[in-house]
Amino acid sequence: MMGLVSVQGWTLVMNLVNVFILYIVLKKILFKPVKEFMDNRQNNITQSIEEAQRKNKQADAIKLEYEQRLLALEQEGREIIKDASKKAEDRANHIVDEAKEEAQRMIKRAQEEIKKENEKATHTLKDEMTSLIMMAASKIIDKELKEEDHQKLIQEFIHEVGDAKWQN
């Protein structure tokens, strides 16, 4: 019986030639397209990875830009609130100042009214004193007085009326 592999001269050479021809045919038909497919696939994967990395970098840059914008907006919001608070405080101070000025004007008017009322009271008092003096004078005229009696009447009158101020 002969085995599958026999070491006969021509058969071995023919087997070697067949394996070589099969290798060349497979190389042309199968290996080359498979190698090209694998190279293309590897290039596509590499490009996809590079594209993903590029997009990640862009996304990071956009994220950083948005974070900076957000910080700027927050700062702007704080500034707006600060300005509004300052304006409100200024307005409140202005209102308080106006109220103080109005109070001062009212006090001044009240003082002027008091002064006028004092003057009016003084004039009324003067008029009443004049009336009293006239009555006293008429009594004096009705009665003849001596110098002592005259001085006595004046002293009594002054004592009764008190030391009123006759001048403003």
C-alpha atoms as a PDB file:
ATOM      1  CA  MET A   1       0.000   0.000   0.000  1.00  0.00           C
ATOM      2  CA  MET A   2       1.101   3.290  -0.829  1.00  0.00           C
ATOM      3  CA  GLY A   3       0.753   6.157   1.600  1.00  0.00           C
ATOM      4  CA  LEU A   4      -0.550   9.547   0.898  1.00  0.00           C
ATOM      5  CA  VAL A   5       2.848  10.995   0.752  1.00  0.00           C
ATOM      6  CA  SER A   6       5.296   9.000  -1.111  1.00  0.00           C
ATOM      7  CA  VAL A   7       8.771  10.033  -1.679  1.00  0.00           C
ATOM      8  CA  GLN A   8       8.985   9.284  -5.278  1.00  0.00           C
ATOM      9  CA  GLY A   9      10.860  11.792  -7.295  1.00  0.00           C
ATOM     10  CA  TRP A  10       8.365  13.009  -9.771  1.00  0.00           C
ATOM     11  CA  THR A  11       5.433  12.978  -7.461  1.00  0.00           C
ATOM     12  CA  LEU A  12       7.269  15.077  -4.942  1.00  0.00           C
ATOM     13  CA  VAL A  13       8.274  17.589  -7.552  1.00  0.00           C
ATOM     14  CA  MET A  14       4.748  17.691  -8.946  1.00  0.00           C
ATOM     15  CA  ASN A  15       3.308  18.178  -5.492  1.00  0.00           C
ATOM     16  CA  LEU A  16       5.742  20.990  -4.867  1.00  0.00           C
ATOM     17  CA  VAL A  17       4.873  22.596  -8.211  1.00  0.00           C
ATOM     18  CA  ASN A  18       1.161  22.223  -7.450  1.00  0.00           C
ATOM     19  CA  VAL A  19       1.589  23.840  -4.012  1.00  0.00           C
ATOM     20  CA  PHE A  20       3.620  26.666  -5.601  1.00  0.00           C
ATOM     21  CA  ILE A  21       1.005  27.219  -8.348  1.00  0.00           C
ATOM     22  CA  LEU A  22      -1.761  27.094  -5.742  1.00  0.00           C
ATOM     23  CA  TYR A  23       0.161  29.637  -3.650  1.00  0.00           C
ATOM     24  CA  ILE A  24       0.566  32.008  -6.621  1.00  0.00           C
ATOM     25  CA  VAL A  25      -3.089  31.652  -7.616  1.00  0.00           C
ATOM     26  CA  LEU A  26      -4.265  32.206  -4.036  1.00  0.00           C
ATOM     27  CA  LYS A  27      -1.864  35.115  -3.678  1.00  0.00           C
ATOM     28  CA  LYS A  28      -3.265  36.760  -6.802  1.00  0.00           C
ATOM     29  CA  ILE A  29      -6.910  35.924  -6.207  1.00  0.00           C
ATOM     30  CA  LEU A  30      -7.271  35.824  -2.439  1.00  0.00           C
ATOM     31  CA  PHE A  31      -4.303  37.244  -0.513  1.00  0.00           C
ATOM     32  CA  LYS A  32      -3.953  40.484  -2.432  1.00  0.00           C
ATOM     33  CA  PRO A  33      -7.663  41.501  -2.166  1.00  0.00           C
ATOM     34  CA  VAL A  34      -7.800  40.401   1.490  1.00  0.00           C
ATOM     35  CA  LYS A  35      -4.625  42.385   2.218  1.00  0.00           C
ATOM     36  CA  GLU A  36      -6.076  45.435   0.402  1.00  0.00           C
ATOM     37  CA  PHE A  37      -9.358  45.017   2.322  1.00  0.00           C
ATOM     38  CA  MET A  38      -7.491  44.776   5.614  1.00  0.00           C
ATOM     39  CA  ASP A  39      -5.317  47.801   4.769  1.00  0.00           C
ATOM     40  CA  ASN A  40      -8.405  49.818   3.781  1.00  0.00           C
ATOM     41  CA  ARG A  41     -10.194  48.705   6.917  1.00  0.00           C
ATOM     42  CA  GLN A  42      -7.197  49.673   9.042  1.00  0.00           C
ATOM     43  CA  ASN A  43      -6.999  53.073   7.296  1.00  0.00           C
ATOM     44  CA  ASN A  44     -10.737  53.616   7.817  1.00  0.00           C
ATOM     45  CA  ILE A  45     -10.440  52.718  11.490  1.00  0.00           C
ATOM     46  CA  THR A  46      -7.417  55.025  11.882  1.00  0.00           C
ATOM     47  CA  GLN A  47      -9.283  57.843  10.128  1.00  0.00           C
ATOM     48  CA  SER A  48     -12.356  57.254  12.282  1.00  0.00           C
ATOM     49  CA  ILE A  49     -10.256  57.372  15.436  1.00  0.00           C
ATOM     50  CA  GLU A  50      -8.513  60.561  14.268  1.00  0.00           C
ATOM     51  CA  GLU A  51     -11.905  62.101  13.345  1.00  0.00           C
ATOM     52  CA  ALA A  52     -13.304  61.148  16.755  1.00  0.00           C
ATOM     53  CA  GLN A  53     -10.275  62.662  18.496  1.00  0.00           C
ATOM     54  CA  ARG A  54     -10.604  65.840  16.414  1.00  0.00           C
ATOM     55  CA  LYS A  55     -14.304  66.070  17.251  1.00  0.00           C
ATOM     56  CA  ASN A  56     -13.546  65.469  20.944  1.00  0.00           C
ATOM     57  CA  LYS A  57     -11.047  68.322  20.838  1.00  0.00           C
ATOM     58  CA  GLN A  58     -13.645  70.539  19.138  1.00  0.00           C
ATOM     59  CA  ALA A  59     -16.244  69.525  21.719  1.00  0.00           C
ATOM     60  CA  ASP A  60     -13.802  70.313  24.534  1.00  0.00           C
ATOM     61  CA  ALA A  61     -13.056  73.700  22.966  1.00  0.00           C
ATOM     62  CA  ILE A  62     -16.778  74.445  22.580  1.00  0.00           C
ATOM     63  CA  LYS A  63     -17.406  73.294  26.168  1.00  0.00           C
ATOM     64  CA  LEU A  64     -14.624  75.558  27.423  1.00  0.00           C
ATOM     65  CA  GLU A  65     -16.019  78.467  25.388  1.00  0.00           C
ATOM     66  CA  TYR A  66     -19.521  77.905  26.811  1.00  0.00           C
ATOM     67  CA  GLU A  67     -18.153  77.652  30.341  1.00  0.00           C
ATOM     68  CA  GLN A  68     -16.325  80.951  29.825  1.00  0.00           C
ATOM     69  CA  ARG A  69     -19.489  82.520  28.412  1.00  0.00           C
ATOM     70  CA  LEU A  70     -21.451  81.189  31.380  1.00  0.00           C
ATOM     71  CA  LEU A  71     -18.930  82.686  33.794  1.00  0.00           C
ATOM     72  CA  ALA A  72     -19.068  85.983  31.896  1.00  0.00           C
ATOM     73  CA  LEU A  73     -22.872  85.952  32.021  1.00  0.00           C
ATOM     74  CA  GLU A  74     -22.827  85.186  35.736  1.00  0.00           C
ATOM     75  CA  GLN A  75     -20.408  88.081  36.277  1.00  0.00           C
ATOM     76  CA  GLU A  76     -22.584  90.331  34.138  1.00  0.00           C
ATOM     77  CA  GLY A  77     -25.626  89.249  36.159  1.00  0.00           C
ATOM     78  CA  ARG A  78     -23.800  90.101  39.385  1.00  0.00           C
ATOM     79  CA  GLU A  79     -22.855  93.500  37.935  1.00  0.00           C
ATOM     80  CA  ILE A  80     -26.463  94.143  36.901  1.00  0.00           C
ATOM     81  CA  ILE A  81     -27.677  93.245  40.388  1.00  0.00           C
ATOM     82  CA  LYS A  82     -24.946  95.388  41.940  1.00  0.00           C
ATOM     83  CA  ASP A  83     -25.862  98.345  39.702  1.00  0.00           C
ATOM     84  CA  ALA A  84     -29.568  97.905  40.438  1.00  0.00           C
ATOM     85  CA  SER A  85     -28.835  97.770  44.180  1.00  0.00           C
ATOM     86  CA  LYS A  86     -26.701 100.894  43.951  1.00  0.00           C
ATOM     87  CA  LYS A  87     -29.400 102.700  41.976  1.00  0.00           C
ATOM     88  CA  ALA A  88     -32.026 101.642  44.517  1.00  0.00           C
ATOM     89  CA  GLU A  89     -29.804 102.791  47.374  1.00  0.00           C
ATOM     90  CA  ASP A  90     -29.132 106.103  45.608  1.00  0.00           C
ATOM     91  CA  ARG A  91     -32.854 106.541  45.021  1.00  0.00           C
ATOM     92  CA  ALA A  92     -33.600 105.746  48.670  1.00  0.00           C
ATOM     93  CA  ASN A  93     -30.941 108.255  49.781  1.00  0.00           C
ATOM     94  CA  HIS A  94     -32.424 110.825  47.413  1.00  0.00           C
ATOM     95  CA  ILE A  95     -35.906 110.232  48.857  1.00  0.00           C
ATOM     96  CA  VAL A  96     -34.545 110.521  52.413  1.00  0.00           C
ATOM     97  CA  ASP A  97     -32.720 113.744  51.494  1.00  0.00           C
ATOM     98  CA  GLU A  98     -35.880 115.166  49.944  1.00  0.00           C
ATOM     99  CA  ALA A  99     -37.836 114.200  53.065  1.00  0.00           C
ATOM    100  CA  LYS A 100     -35.223 115.910  55.265  1.00  0.00           C
ATOM    101  CA  GLU A 101     -35.391 119.030  53.103  1.00  0.00           C
ATOM    102  CA  GLU A 102     -39.193 119.007  53.299  1.00  0.00           C
ATOM    103  CA  ALA A 103     -38.996 118.565  57.074  1.00  0.00           C
ATOM    104  CA  GLN A 104     -36.587 121.516  57.286  1.00  0.00           C
ATOM    105  CA  ARG A 105     -38.947 123.635  55.180  1.00  0.00           C
ATOM    106  CA  MET A 106     -41.859 122.626  57.431  1.00  0.00           C
ATOM    107  CA  ILE A 107     -39.832 123.457  60.552  1.00  0.00           C
ATOM    108  CA  LYS A 108     -38.859 126.810  59.070  1.00  0.00           C
ATOM    109  CA  ARG A 109     -42.506 127.557  58.202  1.00  0.00           C
ATOM    110  CA  ALA A 110     -43.559 126.555  61.710  1.00  0.00           C
ATOM    111  CA  GLN A 111     -40.866 128.783  63.220  1.00  0.00           C
ATOM    112  CA  GLU A 112     -41.996 131.674  61.033  1.00  0.00           C
ATOM    113  CA  GLU A 113     -45.604 131.081  62.086  1.00  0.00           C
ATOM    114  CA  ILE A 114     -44.523 130.957  65.741  1.00  0.00           C
ATOM    115  CA  LYS A 115     -42.599 134.191  65.255  1.00  0.00           C
ATOM    116  CA  LYS A 116     -45.643 135.824  63.628  1.00  0.00           C
ATOM    117  CA  GLU A 117     -47.877 134.552  66.439  1.00  0.00           C
ATOM    118  CA  ASN A 118     -45.397 135.937  69.001  1.00  0.00           C
ATOM    119  CA  GLU A 119     -45.395 139.287  67.229  1.00  0.00           C
ATOM    120  CA  LYS A 120     -49.188 139.196  67.071  1.00  0.00           C
ATOM    121  CA  ALA A 121     -49.377 138.328  70.767  1.00  0.00           C
ATOM    122  CA  THR A 122     -46.880 141.080  71.566  1.00  0.00           C
ATOM    123  CA  HIS A 123     -48.928 143.596  69.590  1.00  0.00           C
ATOM    124  CA  THR A 124     -52.099 142.396  71.300  1.00  0.00           C
ATOM    125  CA  LEU A 125     -50.376 142.695  74.674  1.00  0.00           C
ATOM    126  CA  LYS A 126     -49.154 146.175  73.780  1.00  0.00           C
ATOM    127  CA  ASP A 127     -52.671 147.143  72.750  1.00  0.00           C
ATOM    128  CA  GLU A 128     -54.081 145.776  76.007  1.00  0.00           C
ATOM    129  CA  MET A 129     -51.341 147.499  78.000  1.00  0.00           C
ATOM    130  CA  THR A 130     -52.079 150.711  76.203  1.00  0.00           C
ATOM    131  CA  SER A 131     -55.749 150.285  77.084  1.00  0.00           C
ATOM    132  CA  LEU A 132     -54.838 149.638  80.696  1.00  0.00           C
ATOM    133  CA  ILE A 133     -52.520 152.624  80.760  1.00  0.00           C
ATOM    134  CA  MET A 134     -55.278 154.738  79.264  1.00  0.00           C
ATOM    135  CA  MET A 135     -57.698 153.507  81.929  1.00  0.00           C
ATOM    136  CA  ALA A 136     -55.087 154.142  84.611  1.00  0.00           C
ATOM    137  CA  ALA A 137     -54.425 157.571  83.173  1.00  0.00           C
ATOM    138  CA  SER A 138     -58.115 158.337  83.118  1.00  0.00           C
ATOM    139  CA  LYS A 139     -58.367 157.327  86.788  1.00  0.00           C
ATOM    140  CA  ILE A 140     -55.384 159.493  87.561  1.00  0.00           C
ATOM    141  CA  ILE A 141     -56.933 162.379  85.733  1.00  0.00           C
ATOM    142  CA  ASP A 142     -60.201 161.862  87.584  1.00  0.00           C
ATOM    143  CA  LYS A 143     -58.355 162.077  90.811  1.00  0.00           C
ATOM    144  CA  GLU A 144     -55.680 164.454  91.664  1.00  0.00           C
ATOM    145  CA  LEU A 145     -52.668 162.581  92.818  1.00  0.00           C
ATOM    146  CA  LYS A 146     -49.644 163.496  94.628  1.00  0.00           C
ATOM    147  CA  GLU A 147     -46.278 162.506  93.261  1.00  0.00           C
ATOM    148  CA  GLU A 148     -46.030 159.655  95.780  1.00  0.00           C
ATOM    149  CA  ASP A 149     -49.433 158.270  94.871  1.00  0.00           C
ATOM    150  CA  HIS A 150     -48.564 158.543  91.223  1.00  0.00           C
ATOM    151  CA  GLN A 151     -45.327 156.509  91.707  1.00  0.00           C
ATOM    152  CA  LYS A 152     -47.225 154.016  93.850  1.00  0.00           C
ATOM    153  CA  LEU A 153     -49.816 153.440  91.111  1.00  0.00           C
ATOM    154  CA  ILE A 154     -47.111 152.942  88.477  1.00  0.00           C
ATOM    155  CA  GLN A 155     -45.267 150.433  90.689  1.00  0.00           C
ATOM    156  CA  GLU A 156     -48.465 148.487  91.322  1.00  0.00           C
ATOM    157  CA  PHE A 157     -49.256 148.451  87.624  1.00  0.00           C
ATOM    158  CA  ILE A 158     -45.790 147.171  86.741  1.00  0.00           C
ATOM    159  CA  HIS A 159     -46.024 144.569  89.487  1.00  0.00           C
ATOM    160  CA  GLU A 160     -49.393 143.340  88.219  1.00  0.00           C
ATOM    161  CA  VAL A 161     -48.446 143.225  84.549  1.00  0.00           C
ATOM    162  CA  GLY A 162     -44.997 141.844  85.158  1.00  0.00           C
ATOM    163  CA  ASP A 163     -41.814 142.507  83.318  1.00  0.00           C
ATOM    164  CA  ALA A 164     -43.147 142.031  79.776  1.00  0.00           C
ATOM    165  CA  LYS A 165     -40.848 142.715  76.930  1.00  0.00           C
ATOM    166  CA  TRP A 166     -42.026 145.597  74.831  1.00  0.00           C
ATOM    167  CA  GLN A 167     -39.565 145.088  72.076  1.00  0.00           C
ATOM    168  CA  ASN A 168     -39.275 142.271  69.538  1.00  0.00           C
END
